Amino acid sequence: MTEMLAAADEAAALEDLHERGCTDGLPVVIPTAERVGRMVLASGQEADMVLGTMGPGHGTATIEKIAVAAVMAGCLPDYMPIVLAAVKAVIAPVFDLTEMQATTHCTAPLIIVNGPARHSCGPVSSGYGALGPGHRANASIGRALRLTMINIGKGRPGSSDMALLGHPGKFTYCLAEDEENSPFPPLHVDLGYAQDDSVVTVIGAEAPHSVIYSGDADKPEHYKSLLDLLAIGLANPATNNAILTSGTATVVLNPEHAATLHTAGLGRQDIAREIHERCRLDGAQLKQLAPAFAGENPPDRMAFSGPEQILILMAGGSGLYSMVMPSWCAGTHVNSPSSVKIESDFYCEIPG
C-alpha cells in the first residue's frame, strides 16, 4: 500500500514533498487520495497491481504508485495509458534501467509515441517545438516517468543518479511521431507492430543535437550532404557512440529534411544504412583523441553494430534544423530501445 502523508494544507504538503526529495525540483500537484483514485480508475487496473520493480532502488511499481507520479506531474487521466506503457518499457530488462539511472553519462529516457493513442490519450505533440514548452501531454507524460524513476526507482542526484551534469530531458523528454505527414511508414510499423497499434518506444538519449542543413535542389545528389551531417551529429569523436560504440541512437527528421531524403528514393532502412556507413571513426584519430579507449594499434571502427541501431522518425516544424540524439552505449543491452503497446481499449467514465 502506498504510504499516506498528512499536511495542514496543500502549501505545506508541497514543501514536505520537496524536503523528502520526492519532486524533480519543480512544484508538483499534490497527490490527494481523490486525485490518485481518479488516475487509477483511468488506468482500468486495480490499484495494487504490480508492473515490476524499478532500479536502482528496486521499488515496486504498482498502478497506484504510478498514478501518484502522474498526478504530481500534472497529467490528465487520459494520459495514464501512455504513462503506464512508458513505465513498462523502462522496467523491461532490455532497457537496463538500474545501470542507466546510475551512470555518470547524461542520458535520459526519450519517449516516442506512435499510433492512435497520440490523439486519443493526448494529444501528444509531434509538430513545432514538440520537445519544448507549451505541450501539456508531452511535458506531463515525460515528467510522470521521471517522477516514478525518482520515487519508485530511487534515482536521486549524487547518491544513486550519478549523472555528472545531466540535461533538461531528465525533467521530461516526450514527443509523438508526425505519422500523418511523414513520407515513411510509422516507426512502430517498422519495429514490427500493426499500423493501428499504439506503441511507446523509450530509449536512453542525450539532449537533442541540432543538425543544420539547407539543400541545393540544382544538385541531384545534394541529399548526401544531409546524410553526412546527420552522421557527424550522431557519431562525432566526442560522442559515446564513436568511442564506446554499439549503442542505439535517434534521428528526428523535420518534414523538409524527410522530404529531401524521400525524394532521393530513400526509405527509413535506406537512410539508416547510409548514416551507419558514414559513422566510421579513424583508428589513428581515436588514438590521438581518446587514448584510454583506443589501445596500442586501434583499427578503424564503426559507431553502430548495424543500421538497425539508428532509430529514425519525423517530427517538428519544417525548415533548416533536424535533431539527433547520441546515446550512452553501455549496460548489458548497450542502450537498446524498449517498445510496449499502449493498452487503451478499455473505457472508463471518470466521475465529474
Protein backbone atom coordinates (compact mmCIF):
# COMPACT_ATOMS: atom_id res chain seq x y z
CA MET A 1 0.00 0.00 0.00
CA THR A 2 1.27 3.49 -0.83
CA GLU A 3 2.33 5.48 2.22
CA MET A 4 -0.16 8.19 3.17
CA LEU A 5 1.23 11.56 4.26
CA ALA A 6 -0.58 14.35 6.06
CA ALA A 7 -0.15 18.13 5.99
CA ALA A 8 -2.04 21.17 7.18
CA ASP A 9 -2.76 22.37 3.63
CA GLU A 10 -1.51 21.99 0.07
CA ALA A 11 1.22 24.58 0.51
CA ALA A 12 2.61 22.67 3.48
CA ALA A 13 2.23 19.39 1.58
CA LEU A 14 4.28 20.77 -1.31
CA GLU A 15 7.10 21.83 0.99
CA ASP A 16 7.03 18.43 2.69
CA LEU A 17 7.36 16.66 -0.68
CA HIS A 18 10.30 18.88 -1.60
CA GLU A 19 12.01 18.20 1.73
CA ARG A 20 11.56 14.45 1.31
CA GLY A 21 13.22 14.56 -2.12
CA CYS A 22 10.04 13.36 -3.82
CA THR A 23 9.95 16.03 -6.52
CA ASP A 24 12.08 16.87 -9.54
CA GLY A 25 12.81 20.29 -8.01
CA LEU A 26 9.74 21.93 -9.55
CA PRO A 27 6.35 22.38 -7.86
CA VAL A 28 4.04 19.38 -8.20
CA VAL A 29 0.32 18.75 -7.99
CA ILE A 30 -0.43 17.35 -4.53
CA PRO A 31 -1.42 13.68 -4.92
CA THR A 32 -4.53 13.60 -2.77
CA ALA A 33 -6.43 10.33 -2.41
CA GLU A 34 -9.22 11.65 -4.64
CA ARG A 35 -6.84 12.72 -7.43
CA VAL A 36 -4.90 9.48 -7.31
CA GLY A 37 -8.13 7.48 -7.27
CA ARG A 38 -9.28 9.17 -10.49
CA MET A 39 -5.96 8.36 -12.13
CA VAL A 40 -6.14 4.72 -11.03
CA LEU A 41 -9.66 4.49 -12.43
CA ALA A 42 -8.38 5.84 -15.76
CA SER A 43 -5.82 3.03 -15.88
CA GLY A 44 -8.53 0.36 -15.94
CA GLN A 45 -6.45 -1.69 -13.48
CA GLU A 46 -6.53 -2.44 -9.76
CA ALA A 47 -4.52 -0.04 -7.62
CA ASP A 48 -2.33 -2.80 -6.16
CA MET A 49 -1.49 -4.41 -9.49
CA VAL A 50 2.31 -4.78 -9.76
CA LEU A 51 4.06 -4.00 -13.05
CA GLY A 52 7.56 -4.81 -11.81
CA THR A 53 10.42 -3.17 -9.96
CA MET A 54 12.40 -0.06 -10.82
CA GLY A 55 16.15 0.24 -10.24
CA PRO A 56 18.44 1.21 -8.73
CA GLY A 57 16.30 1.20 -5.57
CA HIS A 58 14.22 -1.74 -6.84
CA GLY A 59 10.97 -0.26 -5.60
CA THR A 60 7.74 -2.00 -6.57
CA ALA A 61 5.87 -0.20 -9.34
CA THR A 62 2.16 -0.57 -8.62
CA ILE A 63 -0.62 1.12 -10.56
CA GLU A 64 -1.31 3.32 -7.54
CA LYS A 65 2.30 4.49 -7.20
CA ILE A 66 2.46 5.28 -10.90
CA ALA A 67 -0.83 7.15 -10.56
CA VAL A 68 0.72 9.22 -7.76
CA ALA A 69 3.56 10.21 -10.10
CA ALA A 70 1.11 11.03 -12.90
CA VAL A 71 -0.91 13.30 -10.60
CA MET A 72 2.23 15.03 -9.31
CA ALA A 73 3.41 15.60 -12.90
CA GLY A 74 0.15 17.32 -13.87
CA CYS A 75 -1.20 14.57 -16.14
CA LEU A 76 -4.82 14.35 -17.15
CA PRO A 77 -6.39 10.91 -16.60
CA ASP A 78 -6.46 10.49 -20.40
CA TYR A 79 -2.65 10.29 -20.39
CA MET A 80 -2.47 7.37 -17.98
CA PRO A 81 -2.29 4.56 -20.62
CA ILE A 82 0.78 6.20 -22.16
CA VAL A 83 2.42 6.70 -18.76
CA LEU A 84 1.85 3.03 -17.91
CA ALA A 85 3.32 1.90 -21.22
CA ALA A 86 6.39 4.09 -20.67
CA VAL A 87 6.91 2.61 -17.20
CA LYS A 88 6.58 -0.91 -18.60
CA ALA A 89 9.14 -0.04 -21.26
CA VAL A 90 11.81 1.13 -18.82
CA ILE A 91 11.12 -1.80 -16.46
CA ALA A 92 11.76 -4.29 -19.27
CA PRO A 93 15.20 -5.91 -18.82
CA VAL A 94 16.35 -4.74 -22.26
CA PHE A 95 16.27 -1.13 -21.06
CA ASP A 96 18.89 -1.60 -18.29
CA LEU A 97 17.17 0.96 -16.06
CA THR A 98 19.34 0.33 -12.99
CA GLU A 99 22.53 0.93 -14.92
CA MET A 100 21.10 3.91 -16.79
CA GLN A 101 19.97 5.59 -13.57
CA ALA A 102 23.39 5.08 -12.01
CA THR A 103 25.60 6.11 -14.94
CA THR A 104 27.70 9.28 -14.94
CA HIS A 105 26.61 9.89 -18.56
CA CYS A 106 23.93 12.47 -19.38
CA THR A 107 21.30 10.02 -20.56
CA ALA A 108 17.54 10.33 -20.10
CA PRO A 109 14.60 8.23 -21.32
CA LEU A 110 13.20 9.68 -24.53
CA ILE A 111 9.56 8.65 -25.01
CA ILE A 112 8.35 8.27 -28.61
CA VAL A 113 4.58 7.78 -29.04
CA ASN A 114 3.09 6.15 -32.14
CA GLY A 115 -0.38 5.12 -33.23
CA PRO A 116 -3.92 6.31 -32.45
CA ALA A 117 -3.12 6.96 -28.77
CA ARG A 118 -1.22 10.06 -29.89
CA HIS A 119 -4.66 11.59 -30.24
CA SER A 120 -6.99 9.54 -28.02
CA CYS A 121 -4.68 9.66 -24.97
CA GLY A 122 -3.26 13.11 -25.60
CA PRO A 123 -2.93 14.91 -27.84
CA VAL A 124 0.81 14.29 -27.78
CA SER A 125 2.51 16.88 -29.96
CA SER A 126 4.63 15.95 -32.96
CA GLY A 127 4.91 19.39 -34.54
CA TYR A 128 6.60 22.69 -33.82
CA GLY A 129 8.51 22.68 -30.53
CA ALA A 130 7.36 19.16 -29.62
CA LEU A 131 10.29 18.73 -27.21
CA GLY A 132 9.87 22.21 -25.76
CA PRO A 133 7.37 24.04 -23.55
CA GLY A 134 3.70 24.53 -24.28
CA HIS A 135 2.56 20.94 -24.82
CA ARG A 136 0.81 19.64 -21.72
CA ALA A 137 0.68 15.96 -22.64
CA ASN A 138 4.32 15.81 -23.75
CA ALA A 139 5.54 17.67 -20.70
CA SER A 140 3.50 15.85 -18.08
CA ILE A 141 3.85 12.32 -19.51
CA GLY A 142 7.62 12.61 -19.65
CA ARG A 143 7.67 14.17 -16.20
CA ALA A 144 5.50 11.39 -14.77
CA LEU A 145 8.02 8.78 -15.94
CA ARG A 146 10.84 10.74 -14.30
CA LEU A 147 8.92 11.00 -11.03
CA THR A 148 8.44 7.23 -10.99
CA MET A 149 12.19 6.88 -11.52
CA ILE A 150 12.79 9.22 -8.57
CA ASN A 151 10.21 7.88 -6.12
CA ILE A 152 9.92 4.21 -7.07
CA GLY A 153 13.35 3.65 -8.59
CA LYS A 154 15.03 5.96 -6.03
CA GLY A 155 17.15 7.68 -8.66
CA ARG A 156 18.33 10.72 -6.72
CA PRO A 157 21.11 13.03 -7.93
CA GLY A 158 24.53 12.49 -6.38
CA SER A 159 23.58 9.34 -4.47
CA SER A 160 22.05 6.88 -6.93
CA ASP A 161 21.60 9.01 -10.05
CA MET A 162 25.25 9.72 -10.78
CA ALA A 163 24.97 11.84 -13.96
CA LEU A 164 27.82 14.34 -13.76
CA LEU A 165 25.72 17.14 -15.18
CA GLY A 166 22.55 15.66 -16.66
CA HIS A 167 20.44 17.53 -19.20
CA PRO A 168 16.97 19.12 -19.28
CA GLY A 169 15.44 15.97 -20.78
CA LYS A 170 15.77 14.50 -17.30
CA PHE A 171 12.78 16.66 -16.36
CA THR A 172 10.69 15.49 -19.31
CA TYR A 173 11.50 14.04 -22.72
CA CYS A 174 8.49 13.01 -24.80
CA LEU A 175 7.11 13.52 -28.31
CA ALA A 176 4.96 11.79 -30.90
CA GLU A 177 5.88 10.92 -34.46
CA ASP A 178 4.14 13.02 -37.11
CA GLU A 179 2.70 9.99 -38.89
CA GLU A 180 0.12 11.92 -40.91
CA ASN A 181 2.73 14.00 -42.72
CA SER A 182 5.67 11.63 -42.78
CA PRO A 183 6.69 10.10 -46.13
CA PHE A 184 7.78 6.95 -44.27
CA PRO A 185 5.76 4.23 -42.54
CA PRO A 186 5.31 4.92 -38.81
CA LEU A 187 8.26 3.94 -36.65
CA HIS A 188 6.25 1.33 -34.76
CA VAL A 189 5.28 -0.42 -38.01
CA ASP A 190 8.94 -0.81 -38.95
CA LEU A 191 9.51 -2.16 -35.43
CA GLY A 192 7.04 -4.96 -36.16
CA TYR A 193 3.74 -3.62 -34.81
CA ALA A 194 0.46 -3.25 -36.69
CA GLN A 195 -0.48 0.09 -38.21
CA ASP A 196 -3.41 0.55 -35.82
CA ASP A 197 -1.44 -0.42 -32.71
CA SER A 198 -0.49 2.33 -30.27
CA VAL A 199 3.08 1.97 -29.08
CA VAL A 200 5.53 3.69 -26.76
CA THR A 201 9.22 3.36 -27.58
CA VAL A 202 11.67 4.52 -24.92
CA ILE A 203 15.39 4.95 -25.49
CA GLY A 204 18.13 6.46 -23.36
CA ALA A 205 19.28 9.62 -25.13
CA GLU A 206 21.42 12.69 -24.75
CA ALA A 207 19.86 16.11 -25.23
CA PRO A 208 18.96 16.88 -28.87
CA HIS A 209 21.91 17.97 -31.04
CA SER A 210 20.85 20.38 -33.77
CA VAL A 211 21.78 19.49 -37.36
CA ILE A 212 21.53 22.42 -39.77
CA TYR A 213 21.07 21.73 -43.47
CA SER A 214 19.90 23.78 -46.43
CA GLY A 215 19.91 21.81 -49.65
CA ASP A 216 20.64 22.82 -53.21
CA ALA A 217 17.91 21.34 -55.40
CA ASP A 218 20.00 22.08 -58.50
CA LYS A 219 22.48 19.40 -57.41
CA PRO A 220 20.96 15.91 -57.82
CA GLU A 221 23.00 14.38 -55.01
CA HIS A 222 22.71 17.23 -52.52
CA TYR A 223 20.85 14.91 -50.13
CA LYS A 224 24.16 13.16 -49.44
CA SER A 225 25.34 16.26 -47.58
CA LEU A 226 22.36 15.90 -45.25
CA LEU A 227 23.29 12.28 -44.58
CA ASP A 228 26.90 13.34 -43.91
CA LEU A 229 25.78 15.98 -41.41
CA LEU A 230 23.39 13.62 -39.60
CA ALA A 231 26.22 11.10 -39.23
CA ILE A 232 28.59 13.76 -37.88
CA GLY A 233 25.99 14.76 -35.30
CA LEU A 234 25.40 11.16 -34.19
CA ALA A 235 28.96 9.88 -34.08
CA ASN A 236 31.48 12.68 -33.96
CA PRO A 237 34.58 11.76 -31.91
CA ALA A 238 33.21 13.47 -28.79
CA THR A 239 30.24 11.08 -28.52
CA ASN A 240 29.94 7.80 -26.64
CA ASN A 241 28.70 6.28 -29.89
CA ALA A 242 32.06 6.90 -31.55
CA ILE A 243 34.24 5.96 -28.58
CA LEU A 244 32.30 3.11 -26.88
CA THR A 245 30.28 2.07 -29.98
CA SER A 246 27.24 -0.19 -30.36
CA GLY A 247 24.55 1.82 -28.58
CA THR A 248 21.32 2.74 -30.35
CA ALA A 249 20.78 6.42 -31.19
CA THR A 250 17.95 8.54 -32.54
CA VAL A 251 17.41 10.78 -35.56
CA VAL A 252 14.42 13.16 -35.66
CA LEU A 253 14.00 14.48 -39.20
CA ASN A 254 11.99 17.62 -39.75
CA PRO A 255 9.44 17.47 -42.59
CA GLU A 256 11.65 19.29 -45.11
CA HIS A 257 14.65 17.03 -44.50
CA ALA A 258 12.45 13.93 -44.54
CA ALA A 259 11.06 15.03 -47.92
CA THR A 260 14.58 15.61 -49.23
CA LEU A 261 15.60 12.04 -48.43
CA HIS A 262 12.30 10.58 -49.62
CA THR A 263 12.58 12.42 -52.93
CA ALA A 264 16.03 10.88 -53.32
CA GLY A 265 14.35 7.47 -53.18
CA LEU A 266 15.39 6.57 -49.64
CA GLY A 267 13.16 4.79 -47.14
CA ARG A 268 13.78 4.54 -43.40
CA GLN A 269 16.03 1.47 -43.72
CA ASP A 270 17.96 3.09 -46.57
CA ILE A 271 18.57 6.22 -44.52
CA ALA A 272 19.71 4.17 -41.53
CA ARG A 273 22.07 2.20 -43.73
CA GLU A 274 23.53 5.33 -45.32
CA ILE A 275 24.07 7.01 -41.94
CA HIS A 276 25.55 3.83 -40.47
CA GLU A 277 28.11 3.63 -43.27
CA ARG A 278 29.13 7.22 -42.58
CA CYS A 279 29.58 6.68 -38.83
CA ARG A 280 33.14 5.42 -39.08
CA LEU A 281 35.94 6.68 -36.83
CA ASP A 282 39.54 6.60 -37.99
CA GLY A 283 41.70 4.47 -35.67
CA ALA A 284 44.60 6.92 -35.68
CA GLN A 285 42.26 9.78 -34.78
CA LEU A 286 40.78 7.67 -32.00
CA LYS A 287 44.25 7.04 -30.55
CA GLN A 288 45.00 10.75 -30.64
CA LEU A 289 41.73 11.91 -29.12
CA ALA A 290 40.85 9.07 -26.73
CA PRO A 291 43.99 7.02 -25.95
CA ALA A 292 42.42 5.49 -22.85
CA PHE A 293 39.82 3.79 -25.04
CA ALA A 294 41.95 3.14 -28.12
CA GLY A 295 44.65 0.65 -27.24
CA GLU A 296 48.02 0.46 -28.97
CA ASN A 297 47.07 0.00 -32.61
CA PRO A 298 43.37 0.73 -32.87
CA PRO A 299 41.64 -0.21 -36.13
CA ASP A 300 39.02 1.99 -37.73
CA ARG A 301 35.71 1.35 -36.00
CA MET A 302 32.01 1.74 -36.68
CA ALA A 303 29.92 3.65 -34.18
CA PHE A 304 26.99 1.25 -34.59
CA SER A 305 26.90 -2.52 -35.00
CA GLY A 306 24.34 -2.13 -37.76
CA PRO A 307 21.80 0.27 -39.29
CA GLU A 308 19.05 -1.19 -37.10
CA GLN A 309 20.66 0.66 -34.18
CA ILE A 310 19.63 4.02 -35.64
CA LEU A 311 16.02 4.96 -34.85
CA ILE A 312 14.55 7.40 -37.37
CA LEU A 313 11.29 9.32 -37.07
CA MET A 314 9.78 12.53 -38.41
CA ALA A 315 8.59 15.32 -36.15
CA GLY A 316 8.84 19.06 -35.64
CA GLY A 317 8.34 22.07 -37.86
CA SER A 318 9.76 22.33 -41.36
CA GLY A 319 12.96 24.28 -42.00
CA LEU A 320 16.71 24.15 -41.52
CA TYR A 321 17.02 22.00 -38.41
CA SER A 322 16.69 18.32 -37.66
CA MET A 323 17.82 16.74 -34.39
CA VAL A 324 19.98 13.78 -33.46
CA MET A 325 20.32 12.20 -30.03
CA PRO A 326 23.59 10.33 -29.44
CA SER A 327 23.37 7.76 -26.69
CA TRP A 328 25.06 6.10 -23.76
CA CYS A 329 26.20 2.78 -25.32
CA ALA A 330 26.56 0.93 -22.03
CA GLY A 331 24.65 -1.53 -19.86
CA THR A 332 24.14 -5.20 -20.59
CA HIS A 333 21.96 -4.37 -23.60
CA VAL A 334 24.07 -1.39 -24.78
CA ASN A 335 21.34 1.23 -24.62
CA SER A 336 18.71 -0.73 -26.54
CA PRO A 337 15.27 0.81 -27.13
CA SER A 338 12.25 -0.74 -25.44
CA SER A 339 8.80 -0.73 -27.08
CA VAL A 340 5.46 -1.52 -25.41
CA LYS A 341 1.90 -1.46 -26.73
CA ILE A 342 -0.38 1.13 -25.14
CA GLU A 343 -3.44 -0.55 -23.65
CA SER A 344 -6.22 1.97 -24.18
CA ASP A 345 -9.07 -0.17 -25.48
CA PHE A 346 -10.99 -0.18 -22.20
CA TYR A 347 -13.50 2.56 -21.40
CA CYS A 348 -13.71 4.24 -18.02
CA GLU A 349 -16.01 7.13 -17.30
CA ILE A 350 -14.21 9.46 -14.92
CA PRO A 351 -16.66 10.98 -12.43
CA GLY A 352 -17.12 14.73 -12.76
